[in-house]
Amino acid sequence: MATQTLADRTEVLRPTGVTPLLTTAQLMARYGVSNWTVNQWVQNGCPLEPTAFRGRRFDLDKVRAWMSEQSLDTAA
């Protein structure tokens, strides 16, 4: 099976109403940050999605909303 991009997976899942979840490594790559930074985000309230296994998954839309909220909080 060929590797799919996030955009590809999003399009495949769109009709079902499901959003692909990102791993920590994928979130790091998306924002160009380190694992330490993602850990800091989580400690500061970055939303996580529950999983049935060890590890963390992130809904990109929820992370974007959280980041937007954070930037509004720091601007005030």
C-alpha atoms as a PDB file:
ATOM      1  CA  MET A   1       0.000   0.000   0.000  1.00  0.00           C
ATOM      2  CA  ALA A   2       1.355   3.388  -0.983  1.00  0.00           C
ATOM      3  CA  THR A   3       1.930   6.048   1.624  1.00  0.00           C
ATOM      4  CA  GLN A   4      -0.791   8.686   1.678  1.00  0.00           C
ATOM      5  CA  THR A   5      -0.337  12.326   2.519  1.00  0.00           C
ATOM      6  CA  LEU A   6      -2.507  13.999   5.131  1.00  0.00           C
ATOM      7  CA  ALA A   7      -4.432  15.699   2.340  1.00  0.00           C
ATOM      8  CA  ASP A   8      -5.050  12.327   0.662  1.00  0.00           C
ATOM      9  CA  ARG A   9      -6.276  10.741   3.895  1.00  0.00           C
ATOM     10  CA  THR A  10      -8.487  13.747   4.606  1.00  0.00           C
ATOM     11  CA  GLU A  11     -10.155  13.426   1.206  1.00  0.00           C
ATOM     12  CA  VAL A  12     -10.697   9.678   1.618  1.00  0.00           C
ATOM     13  CA  LEU A  13     -12.239  10.133   5.064  1.00  0.00           C
ATOM     14  CA  ARG A  14     -14.266  13.286   4.304  1.00  0.00           C
ATOM     15  CA  PRO A  15     -17.468  11.430   3.275  1.00  0.00           C
ATOM     16  CA  THR A  16     -17.467   9.560   6.589  1.00  0.00           C
ATOM     17  CA  GLY A  17     -17.112  12.710   8.692  1.00  0.00           C
ATOM     18  CA  VAL A  18     -13.906  11.378  10.254  1.00  0.00           C
ATOM     19  CA  THR A  19     -10.726  13.441  10.472  1.00  0.00           C
ATOM     20  CA  PRO A  20      -7.337  11.723  10.360  1.00  0.00           C
ATOM     21  CA  LEU A  21      -5.425  11.995  13.611  1.00  0.00           C
ATOM     22  CA  LEU A  22      -1.767  12.993  13.693  1.00  0.00           C
ATOM     23  CA  THR A  23       0.991  11.333  15.668  1.00  0.00           C
ATOM     24  CA  THR A  24       3.409  13.434  17.696  1.00  0.00           C
ATOM     25  CA  ALA A  25       5.993  13.062  14.905  1.00  0.00           C
ATOM     26  CA  GLN A  26       3.492  14.235  12.290  1.00  0.00           C
ATOM     27  CA  LEU A  27       2.522  17.235  14.427  1.00  0.00           C
ATOM     28  CA  MET A  28       6.219  18.052  14.919  1.00  0.00           C
ATOM     29  CA  ALA A  29       6.779  17.925  11.156  1.00  0.00           C
ATOM     30  CA  ARG A  30       3.657  19.973  10.436  1.00  0.00           C
ATOM     31  CA  TYR A  31       4.774  22.842  12.668  1.00  0.00           C
ATOM     32  CA  GLY A  32       8.559  22.382  12.423  1.00  0.00           C
ATOM     33  CA  VAL A  33       8.963  22.003  16.180  1.00  0.00           C
ATOM     34  CA  SER A  34      10.673  19.564  18.512  1.00  0.00           C
ATOM     35  CA  ASN A  35       9.207  16.827  20.675  1.00  0.00           C
ATOM     36  CA  TRP A  36       9.930  19.040  23.689  1.00  0.00           C
ATOM     37  CA  THR A  37       7.739  21.786  22.215  1.00  0.00           C
ATOM     38  CA  VAL A  38       4.841  19.390  21.605  1.00  0.00           C
ATOM     39  CA  ASN A  39       5.200  18.145  25.194  1.00  0.00           C
ATOM     40  CA  GLN A  40       5.010  21.749  26.402  1.00  0.00           C
ATOM     41  CA  TRP A  41       1.890  22.327  24.304  1.00  0.00           C
ATOM     42  CA  VAL A  42       0.251  19.256  25.845  1.00  0.00           C
ATOM     43  CA  GLN A  43       1.145  20.429  29.352  1.00  0.00           C
ATOM     44  CA  ASN A  44      -0.410  23.804  28.506  1.00  0.00           C
ATOM     45  CA  GLY A  45      -3.667  22.235  27.326  1.00  0.00           C
ATOM     46  CA  CYS A  46      -3.202  21.270  23.682  1.00  0.00           C
ATOM     47  CA  PRO A  47      -6.085  18.890  22.923  1.00  0.00           C
ATOM     48  CA  LEU A  48      -5.360  15.172  22.635  1.00  0.00           C
ATOM     49  CA  GLU A  49      -7.583  12.485  21.198  1.00  0.00           C
ATOM     50  CA  PRO A  50      -8.137   9.330  23.240  1.00  0.00           C
ATOM     51  CA  THR A  51      -6.617   6.157  21.817  1.00  0.00           C
ATOM     52  CA  ALA A  52      -6.938   2.485  22.700  1.00  0.00           C
ATOM     53  CA  PHE A  53      -3.168   2.131  22.703  1.00  0.00           C
ATOM     54  CA  ARG A  54      -0.148   3.886  24.116  1.00  0.00           C
ATOM     55  CA  GLY A  55       0.717   7.080  22.348  1.00  0.00           C
ATOM     56  CA  ARG A  56      -0.879  10.395  21.563  1.00  0.00           C
ATOM     57  CA  ARG A  57      -2.952  11.493  18.625  1.00  0.00           C
ATOM     58  CA  PHE A  58      -3.920  15.000  17.637  1.00  0.00           C
ATOM     59  CA  ASP A  59      -6.867  16.316  15.636  1.00  0.00           C
ATOM     60  CA  LEU A  60      -5.305  19.055  13.510  1.00  0.00           C
ATOM     61  CA  ASP A  61      -8.461  21.190  13.496  1.00  0.00           C
ATOM     62  CA  LYS A  62      -8.617  21.129  17.305  1.00  0.00           C
ATOM     63  CA  VAL A  63      -4.902  21.916  17.581  1.00  0.00           C
ATOM     64  CA  ARG A  64      -5.324  24.866  15.197  1.00  0.00           C
ATOM     65  CA  ALA A  65      -8.265  26.177  17.240  1.00  0.00           C
ATOM     66  CA  TRP A  66      -6.271  25.793  20.464  1.00  0.00           C
ATOM     67  CA  MET A  67      -3.285  27.610  18.965  1.00  0.00           C
ATOM     68  CA  SER A  68      -5.517  30.417  17.762  1.00  0.00           C
ATOM     69  CA  GLU A  69      -6.991  30.692  21.257  1.00  0.00           C
ATOM     70  CA  GLN A  70      -3.486  30.779  22.747  1.00  0.00           C
ATOM     71  CA  SER A  71      -2.377  33.586  20.450  1.00  0.00           C
ATOM     72  CA  LEU A  72      -5.480  35.612  21.413  1.00  0.00           C
ATOM     73  CA  ASP A  73      -4.722  35.046  25.105  1.00  0.00           C
ATOM     74  CA  THR A  74      -1.135  36.260  24.749  1.00  0.00           C
ATOM     75  CA  ALA A  75      -2.192  39.283  22.698  1.00  0.00           C
ATOM     76  CA  ALA A  76      -4.536  40.505  25.454  1.00  0.00           C
END
